[in-house]
């Protein structure tokens, strides 16, 4: 008995719910990870009132659609779909991972926003909104300076 051939059109429409297109194609690990990332992000943004982070949701949504379509093309070209997870959990742990640093940055942001903001509003003349704008501007300037004058990569020609 031949396995069914996945429909690219159905994959596209099912992908409007992040991860479902992958589940339809049989990529269970990848589909579940995309679902957890998308709906977990919605939960965290709402629960923690992270007004600065909703930009992340359309990125995940579009990635899920295009990745599912790519997996459908892989089936049409190679006759199989490799269910490779987005993230291997072993890669996310260790000293040099972006995931751990990202959690530290988000946690620090929450502490600053929730607690330091109240303290500043109570004891200092400047408002928390103004100070947050100043901090954001300084961070953007520092990041831009790092990009312009940061690490130099040598060409091996």
N, C-alpha and C. Protein backbone atom coordinates (compact mmCIF):
# COMPACT_ATOMS: atom_id res chain seq x y z
N UNK A 1 0.84 -1.18 0.00
CA UNK A 1 0.00 0.00 0.00
C UNK A 1 0.89 1.24 0.00
N UNK A 2 0.65 2.13 -0.94
CA UNK A 2 1.43 3.37 -1.07
C UNK A 2 0.98 4.38 -0.02
N UNK A 3 1.95 5.09 0.61
CA UNK A 3 1.53 6.17 1.51
C UNK A 3 0.89 7.29 0.71
N UNK A 4 -0.03 7.99 1.33
CA UNK A 4 -0.72 9.07 0.64
C UNK A 4 0.26 10.18 0.31
N UNK A 5 0.00 10.85 -0.78
CA UNK A 5 0.80 11.99 -1.20
C UNK A 5 0.19 13.24 -0.59
N UNK A 6 0.99 14.02 0.16
CA UNK A 6 0.40 15.20 0.78
C UNK A 6 0.06 16.27 -0.25
N UNK A 7 -1.04 16.94 -0.02
CA UNK A 7 -1.47 18.02 -0.89
C UNK A 7 -0.80 19.32 -0.46
N UNK A 8 -0.16 19.99 -1.42
CA UNK A 8 0.51 21.25 -1.10
C UNK A 8 -0.52 22.33 -0.73
N UNK A 9 -1.66 22.34 -1.41
CA UNK A 9 -2.71 23.31 -1.09
C UNK A 9 -3.26 23.11 0.31
N UNK A 10 -3.52 21.86 0.68
CA UNK A 10 -4.02 21.57 2.03
C UNK A 10 -2.96 21.89 3.07
N UNK A 11 -1.70 21.61 2.75
CA UNK A 11 -0.61 21.97 3.66
C UNK A 11 -0.59 23.47 3.89
N UNK A 12 -0.77 24.25 2.82
CA UNK A 12 -0.78 25.71 2.94
C UNK A 12 -1.90 26.18 3.85
N UNK A 13 -3.12 25.69 3.64
CA UNK A 13 -4.24 26.15 4.46
C UNK A 13 -4.14 25.67 5.90
N UNK A 14 -3.65 24.45 6.12
CA UNK A 14 -3.49 23.97 7.49
C UNK A 14 -2.39 24.73 8.23
N UNK A 15 -1.43 25.26 7.49
CA UNK A 15 -0.31 25.99 8.09
C UNK A 15 -0.73 27.35 8.65
N UNK A 16 -1.94 27.78 8.37
CA UNK A 16 -2.40 29.04 8.95
C UNK A 16 -2.52 28.91 10.47
N UNK A 17 -2.63 27.70 10.98
CA UNK A 17 -2.48 27.45 12.41
C UNK A 17 -1.07 26.90 12.57
N UNK A 18 -0.18 27.66 13.20
CA UNK A 18 1.23 27.26 13.25
C UNK A 18 1.44 25.84 13.76
N UNK A 19 2.14 25.05 12.97
CA UNK A 19 2.47 23.68 13.33
C UNK A 19 1.54 22.64 12.74
N UNK A 20 0.31 23.00 12.40
CA UNK A 20 -0.66 22.01 11.93
C UNK A 20 -0.27 21.48 10.54
N UNK A 21 0.27 22.34 9.68
CA UNK A 21 0.74 21.87 8.38
C UNK A 21 1.83 20.82 8.52
N UNK A 22 2.72 21.00 9.48
CA UNK A 22 3.77 20.02 9.74
C UNK A 22 3.19 18.71 10.26
N UNK A 23 2.19 18.82 11.13
CA UNK A 23 1.55 17.62 11.65
C UNK A 23 0.89 16.85 10.52
N UNK A 24 0.24 17.54 9.60
CA UNK A 24 -0.39 16.91 8.45
C UNK A 24 0.64 16.16 7.60
N UNK A 25 1.83 16.75 7.47
CA UNK A 25 2.87 16.13 6.67
C UNK A 25 3.57 14.98 7.40
N UNK A 26 3.33 14.85 8.69
CA UNK A 26 3.96 13.79 9.47
C UNK A 26 5.19 14.23 10.23
N UNK A 27 5.52 15.50 10.18
CA UNK A 27 6.67 16.04 10.92
C UNK A 27 6.20 16.44 12.31
N UNK A 28 5.97 15.43 13.15
CA UNK A 28 5.36 15.67 14.47
C UNK A 28 6.25 16.51 15.39
N UNK A 29 7.55 16.20 15.45
CA UNK A 29 8.44 16.95 16.34
C UNK A 29 8.48 18.42 15.96
N UNK A 30 8.69 18.69 14.70
CA UNK A 30 8.80 20.06 14.23
C UNK A 30 7.48 20.81 14.41
N UNK A 31 6.36 20.15 14.07
CA UNK A 31 5.04 20.77 14.21
C UNK A 31 4.72 21.12 15.66
N UNK A 32 5.02 20.19 16.57
CA UNK A 32 4.74 20.47 17.98
C UNK A 32 5.64 21.58 18.51
N UNK A 33 6.90 21.62 18.08
CA UNK A 33 7.77 22.70 18.53
C UNK A 33 7.28 24.06 18.03
N UNK A 34 6.85 24.13 16.78
CA UNK A 34 6.33 25.39 16.26
C UNK A 34 5.07 25.81 17.01
N UNK A 35 4.18 24.85 17.28
CA UNK A 35 2.97 25.16 18.05
C UNK A 35 3.31 25.67 19.44
N UNK A 36 4.22 25.00 20.12
CA UNK A 36 4.59 25.39 21.48
C UNK A 36 5.22 26.78 21.48
N UNK A 37 6.10 27.05 20.51
CA UNK A 37 6.74 28.36 20.45
C UNK A 37 5.71 29.45 20.18
N UNK A 38 4.81 29.22 19.22
CA UNK A 38 3.83 30.25 18.86
C UNK A 38 2.83 30.51 19.99
N UNK A 39 2.15 29.45 20.43
CA UNK A 39 1.11 29.65 21.44
C UNK A 39 1.71 29.94 22.81
N UNK A 40 2.91 29.42 23.08
CA UNK A 40 3.61 29.77 24.32
C UNK A 40 4.00 31.24 24.33
N UNK A 41 4.40 31.76 23.17
CA UNK A 41 4.74 33.18 23.07
C UNK A 41 3.51 34.05 23.32
N UNK A 42 2.37 33.66 22.76
CA UNK A 42 1.14 34.41 23.00
C UNK A 42 0.82 34.42 24.49
N UNK A 43 0.93 33.26 25.13
CA UNK A 43 0.65 33.18 26.56
C UNK A 43 1.59 34.07 27.36
N UNK A 44 2.90 33.99 27.07
CA UNK A 44 3.87 34.78 27.84
C UNK A 44 3.70 36.27 27.60
N UNK A 45 3.42 36.66 26.36
CA UNK A 45 3.22 38.08 26.06
C UNK A 45 2.02 38.61 26.82
N UNK A 46 0.95 37.83 26.89
CA UNK A 46 -0.25 38.26 27.60
C UNK A 46 -0.06 38.18 29.12
N UNK A 47 0.45 37.07 29.59
CA UNK A 47 0.59 36.85 31.04
C UNK A 47 1.57 37.82 31.67
N UNK A 48 2.68 38.06 31.01
CA UNK A 48 3.71 38.94 31.57
C UNK A 48 3.57 40.39 31.08
N UNK A 49 2.55 40.63 30.26
CA UNK A 49 2.31 41.96 29.69
C UNK A 49 3.57 42.53 29.05
N UNK A 50 4.11 41.75 28.13
CA UNK A 50 5.33 42.14 27.41
C UNK A 50 4.94 42.87 26.15
N UNK A 51 4.64 44.14 26.27
CA UNK A 51 4.19 44.93 25.13
C UNK A 51 5.24 45.08 24.05
N UNK A 52 6.51 44.83 24.35
CA UNK A 52 7.58 45.03 23.37
C UNK A 52 7.82 43.81 22.50
N UNK A 53 7.17 42.68 22.76
CA UNK A 53 7.52 41.45 22.07
C UNK A 53 6.52 40.88 21.07
N UNK A 54 5.38 41.49 20.79
CA UNK A 54 4.47 40.89 19.81
C UNK A 54 5.03 40.82 18.38
N UNK A 55 6.09 41.55 18.08
CA UNK A 55 6.69 41.47 16.75
C UNK A 55 7.13 40.06 16.42
N UNK A 56 7.36 39.24 17.43
CA UNK A 56 7.84 37.88 17.28
C UNK A 56 6.79 36.96 16.64
N UNK A 57 5.52 37.22 16.90
CA UNK A 57 4.46 36.32 16.47
C UNK A 57 4.33 36.19 14.95
N UNK A 58 4.32 37.28 14.17
CA UNK A 58 4.23 37.10 12.72
C UNK A 58 5.46 36.39 12.14
N UNK A 59 6.61 36.57 12.77
CA UNK A 59 7.80 35.88 12.29
C UNK A 59 7.62 34.37 12.43
N UNK A 60 7.15 33.93 13.58
CA UNK A 60 6.91 32.50 13.80
C UNK A 60 5.83 32.00 12.86
N UNK A 61 4.78 32.77 12.69
CA UNK A 61 3.65 32.36 11.86
C UNK A 61 4.09 32.16 10.41
N UNK A 62 4.77 33.17 9.85
CA UNK A 62 5.23 33.05 8.46
C UNK A 62 6.27 31.95 8.30
N UNK A 63 7.15 31.81 9.28
CA UNK A 63 8.14 30.74 9.21
C UNK A 63 7.44 29.38 9.15
N UNK A 64 6.41 29.20 9.97
CA UNK A 64 5.68 27.94 9.97
C UNK A 64 5.04 27.63 8.62
N UNK A 65 4.47 28.65 8.00
CA UNK A 65 3.84 28.45 6.68
C UNK A 65 4.89 28.06 5.64
N UNK A 66 5.95 28.85 5.55
CA UNK A 66 6.96 28.59 4.52
C UNK A 66 7.72 27.30 4.77
N UNK A 67 7.97 26.96 6.02
CA UNK A 67 8.68 25.73 6.32
C UNK A 67 7.82 24.52 5.97
N UNK A 68 6.52 24.58 6.26
CA UNK A 68 5.64 23.47 5.91
C UNK A 68 5.57 23.29 4.39
N UNK A 69 5.50 24.40 3.65
CA UNK A 69 5.49 24.30 2.19
C UNK A 69 6.81 23.72 1.68
N UNK A 70 7.91 24.08 2.33
CA UNK A 70 9.21 23.53 1.95
C UNK A 70 9.25 22.02 2.20
N UNK A 71 8.69 21.59 3.32
CA UNK A 71 8.63 20.15 3.63
C UNK A 71 7.76 19.42 2.62
N UNK A 72 6.65 20.04 2.18
CA UNK A 72 5.81 19.42 1.15
C UNK A 72 6.58 19.29 -0.16
N UNK A 73 7.36 20.31 -0.51
CA UNK A 73 8.21 20.23 -1.71
C UNK A 73 9.25 19.13 -1.58
N UNK A 74 9.83 18.99 -0.39
CA UNK A 74 10.81 17.93 -0.16
C UNK A 74 10.19 16.56 -0.42
N UNK A 75 8.93 16.39 -0.01
CA UNK A 75 8.27 15.11 -0.25
C UNK A 75 8.09 14.88 -1.75
N UNK A 76 7.67 15.94 -2.44
CA UNK A 76 7.47 15.79 -3.88
C UNK A 76 8.77 15.52 -4.62
N UNK A 77 9.87 16.10 -4.16
CA UNK A 77 11.17 15.91 -4.82
C UNK A 77 11.86 14.61 -4.42
N UNK A 78 11.86 14.30 -3.12
CA UNK A 78 12.65 13.18 -2.62
C UNK A 78 11.82 11.99 -2.15
N UNK A 79 10.52 12.16 -2.05
CA UNK A 79 9.66 11.06 -1.66
C UNK A 79 9.59 10.81 -0.16
N UNK A 80 10.19 11.69 0.63
CA UNK A 80 10.12 11.54 2.08
C UNK A 80 10.23 12.90 2.77
N UNK A 81 9.79 12.92 4.01
CA UNK A 81 9.89 14.13 4.83
C UNK A 81 10.72 13.77 6.05
N UNK A 82 11.80 14.50 6.25
CA UNK A 82 12.65 14.28 7.41
C UNK A 82 12.11 15.16 8.54
N UNK A 83 11.77 14.52 9.65
CA UNK A 83 11.21 15.24 10.80
C UNK A 83 12.34 15.69 11.72
N UNK A 84 13.03 16.73 11.29
CA UNK A 84 14.13 17.28 12.08
C UNK A 84 13.56 18.39 12.96
N UNK A 85 13.75 18.31 14.29
CA UNK A 85 13.21 19.36 15.16
C UNK A 85 13.87 20.71 14.89
N UNK A 86 13.17 21.78 15.21
CA UNK A 86 13.74 23.12 15.08
C UNK A 86 14.96 23.27 15.99
N UNK A 87 14.82 22.84 17.24
CA UNK A 87 15.88 22.99 18.22
C UNK A 87 16.13 21.65 18.88
N UNK A 88 17.38 21.26 18.92
CA UNK A 88 17.77 20.10 19.73
C UNK A 88 18.01 20.64 21.14
N UNK A 89 17.42 20.01 22.14
CA UNK A 89 17.52 20.54 23.50
C UNK A 89 18.96 20.55 23.99
N UNK A 90 19.79 19.63 23.50
CA UNK A 90 21.19 19.61 23.92
C UNK A 90 21.91 20.87 23.43
N UNK A 91 21.51 21.40 22.27
CA UNK A 91 22.13 22.59 21.71
C UNK A 91 21.73 23.83 22.50
N UNK A 92 20.57 23.81 23.10
CA UNK A 92 20.08 24.98 23.85
C UNK A 92 20.73 25.13 25.21
N UNK A 93 21.41 24.10 25.69
CA UNK A 93 22.04 24.20 27.00
C UNK A 93 23.54 24.41 26.83
N UNK A 94 24.17 24.95 27.85
CA UNK A 94 25.60 25.22 27.79
C UNK A 94 25.86 26.71 27.97
N UNK A 95 27.12 27.07 28.09
CA UNK A 95 27.49 28.44 28.40
C UNK A 95 27.30 29.40 27.24
N UNK A 96 27.44 28.97 26.03
CA UNK A 96 27.47 29.88 24.89
C UNK A 96 26.20 29.88 24.05
N UNK A 97 25.07 29.61 24.65
CA UNK A 97 23.85 29.56 23.85
C UNK A 97 23.09 30.88 23.92
N UNK A 98 22.47 31.21 22.83
CA UNK A 98 21.66 32.43 22.75
C UNK A 98 20.38 32.27 23.58
N UNK A 99 19.91 31.03 23.74
CA UNK A 99 18.65 30.80 24.44
C UNK A 99 18.77 31.20 25.91
N UNK A 100 19.83 30.76 26.57
CA UNK A 100 20.04 31.10 27.97
C UNK A 100 20.23 32.60 28.15
N UNK A 101 21.02 33.22 27.27
CA UNK A 101 21.23 34.67 27.35
C UNK A 101 19.93 35.41 27.07
N UNK A 102 19.13 34.89 26.15
CA UNK A 102 17.84 35.53 25.86
C UNK A 102 16.91 35.50 27.07
N UNK A 103 16.88 34.37 27.78
CA UNK A 103 16.05 34.29 28.99
C UNK A 103 16.54 35.25 30.07
N UNK A 104 17.86 35.39 30.19
CA UNK A 104 18.42 36.34 31.17
C UNK A 104 18.02 37.76 30.80
N UNK A 105 18.09 38.11 29.51
CA UNK A 105 17.72 39.46 29.07
C UNK A 105 16.24 39.72 29.32
N UNK A 106 15.38 38.78 28.99
CA UNK A 106 13.94 38.97 29.19
C UNK A 106 13.62 39.07 30.69
N UNK A 107 14.24 38.22 31.51
CA UNK A 107 14.03 38.30 32.96
C UNK A 107 14.50 39.62 33.53
N UNK A 108 15.65 40.12 33.06
CA UNK A 108 16.15 41.41 33.51
C UNK A 108 15.21 42.54 33.10
N UNK A 109 14.70 42.45 31.87
CA UNK A 109 13.74 43.45 31.40
C UNK A 109 12.50 43.47 32.30
N UNK A 110 12.00 42.28 32.66
CA UNK A 110 10.82 42.22 33.53
C UNK A 110 11.10 42.83 34.89
N UNK A 111 12.26 42.52 35.46
CA UNK A 111 12.61 43.11 36.77
C UNK A 111 12.70 44.63 36.67
N UNK A 112 13.35 45.12 35.63
CA UNK A 112 13.47 46.57 35.46
C UNK A 112 12.10 47.21 35.27
N UNK A 113 11.30 46.61 34.41
CA UNK A 113 10.02 47.21 34.05
C UNK A 113 9.03 47.18 35.21
N UNK A 114 8.99 46.07 35.94
CA UNK A 114 7.97 45.93 36.99
C UNK A 114 8.37 46.59 38.31
N UNK A 115 9.61 46.41 38.72
CA UNK A 115 9.99 46.84 40.06
C UNK A 115 10.79 48.13 40.07
N UNK A 116 11.79 48.22 39.22
CA UNK A 116 12.60 49.43 39.18
C UNK A 116 11.76 50.61 38.70
N UNK A 117 10.84 50.35 37.80
CA UNK A 117 9.97 51.41 37.32
C UNK A 117 9.15 52.04 38.42
N UNK A 118 8.60 51.25 39.32
CA UNK A 118 7.83 51.78 40.45
C UNK A 118 8.72 52.57 41.40
N UNK A 119 9.93 52.06 41.65
CA UNK A 119 10.85 52.75 42.54
C UNK A 119 11.26 54.09 41.96
N UNK A 120 11.56 54.12 40.66
CA UNK A 120 11.96 55.37 40.01
C UNK A 120 10.81 56.37 40.05
N UNK A 121 9.60 55.90 39.77
CA UNK A 121 8.44 56.79 39.77
C UNK A 121 8.19 57.37 41.17
N UNK A 122 8.54 56.61 42.19
CA UNK A 122 8.31 57.06 43.56
C UNK A 122 9.39 58.01 44.06
N UNK A 123 10.65 57.72 43.75
CA UNK A 123 11.76 58.44 44.39
C UNK A 123 12.52 59.41 43.49
N UNK A 124 12.37 59.33 42.20
CA UNK A 124 13.12 60.21 41.31
C UNK A 124 12.20 61.15 40.55
N UNK A 125 12.77 62.20 40.02
CA UNK A 125 11.99 63.19 39.30
C UNK A 125 11.60 62.69 37.91
N UNK A 126 12.51 61.95 37.25
CA UNK A 126 12.25 61.47 35.90
C UNK A 126 11.22 60.34 35.93
N UNK A 127 10.38 60.29 34.92
CA UNK A 127 9.36 59.23 34.88
C UNK A 127 9.99 57.94 34.34
N UNK A 128 9.36 56.81 34.67
CA UNK A 128 9.86 55.53 34.19
C UNK A 128 9.77 55.46 32.68
N UNK A 129 8.74 56.03 32.11
CA UNK A 129 8.60 56.03 30.65
C UNK A 129 9.77 56.74 29.98
N UNK A 130 10.16 57.88 30.52
CA UNK A 130 11.31 58.61 29.97
C UNK A 130 12.60 57.83 30.14
N UNK A 131 12.81 57.26 31.33
CA UNK A 131 14.03 56.50 31.58
C UNK A 131 14.10 55.27 30.68
N UNK A 132 12.98 54.61 30.47
CA UNK A 132 12.94 53.44 29.59
C UNK A 132 13.30 53.84 28.16
N UNK A 133 12.83 55.00 27.72
CA UNK A 133 13.19 55.50 26.39
C UNK A 133 14.69 55.79 26.30
N UNK A 134 15.25 56.35 27.35
CA UNK A 134 16.68 56.64 27.38
C UNK A 134 17.49 55.34 27.33
N UNK A 135 17.09 54.35 28.13
CA UNK A 135 17.79 53.07 28.15
C UNK A 135 17.72 52.40 26.78
N UNK A 136 16.54 52.42 26.16
CA UNK A 136 16.38 51.82 24.83
C UNK A 136 17.27 52.53 23.81
N UNK A 137 17.30 53.85 23.86
CA UNK A 137 18.15 54.60 22.93
C UNK A 137 19.62 54.27 23.13
N UNK A 138 20.09 54.19 24.38
CA UNK A 138 21.49 53.86 24.66
C UNK A 138 21.81 52.45 24.17
N UNK A 139 20.91 51.50 24.39
CA UNK A 139 21.14 50.13 23.92
C UNK A 139 21.21 50.06 22.40
N UNK A 140 20.33 50.80 21.71
CA UNK A 140 20.37 50.81 20.25
C UNK A 140 21.67 51.43 19.74
N UNK A 141 22.11 52.50 20.37
CA UNK A 141 23.38 53.14 19.97
C UNK A 141 24.54 52.18 20.23
N UNK A 142 24.55 51.51 21.38
CA UNK A 142 25.62 50.57 21.70
C UNK A 142 25.63 49.40 20.72
N UNK A 143 24.46 48.88 20.36
CA UNK A 143 24.39 47.77 19.41
C UNK A 143 24.86 48.22 18.03
N UNK A 144 24.46 49.42 17.61
CA UNK A 144 24.93 49.95 16.33
C UNK A 144 26.43 50.15 16.31
N UNK A 145 26.99 50.66 17.42
CA UNK A 145 28.45 50.83 17.51
C UNK A 145 29.16 49.49 17.46
N UNK A 146 28.59 48.49 18.13
CA UNK A 146 29.18 47.15 18.10
C UNK A 146 29.18 46.59 16.68
N UNK A 147 28.08 46.80 15.95
CA UNK A 147 28.02 46.32 14.58
C UNK A 147 29.03 47.02 13.68
N UNK A 148 29.23 48.31 13.91
CA UNK A 148 30.17 49.06 13.07
C UNK A 148 31.62 48.82 13.45
N UNK A 149 31.92 48.81 14.76
CA UNK A 149 33.32 48.76 15.18
C UNK A 149 33.64 47.53 16.02
N UNK A 150 32.72 46.59 16.11
CA UNK A 150 32.91 45.41 16.96
C UNK A 150 33.96 44.47 16.42
N UNK A 151 33.75 43.21 16.62
CA UNK A 151 34.71 42.19 16.20
C UNK A 151 35.03 42.30 14.72
N UNK A 152 36.29 42.20 14.45
CA UNK A 152 36.74 42.20 13.05
C UNK A 152 37.04 40.76 12.66
N UNK A 153 36.49 40.34 11.54
CA UNK A 153 36.71 39.00 11.03
C UNK A 153 37.75 39.08 9.92
N UNK A 154 38.79 38.27 10.03
CA UNK A 154 39.84 38.26 9.03
C UNK A 154 39.43 37.39 7.85
N UNK A 155 39.73 37.86 6.65
CA UNK A 155 39.49 37.06 5.46
C UNK A 155 40.64 36.09 5.25
N UNK A 156 40.34 34.86 4.99
CA UNK A 156 41.36 33.86 4.70
C UNK A 156 41.46 33.69 3.20
N UNK A 157 42.12 34.61 2.54
CA UNK A 157 42.23 34.54 1.08
C UNK A 157 43.58 34.04 0.68
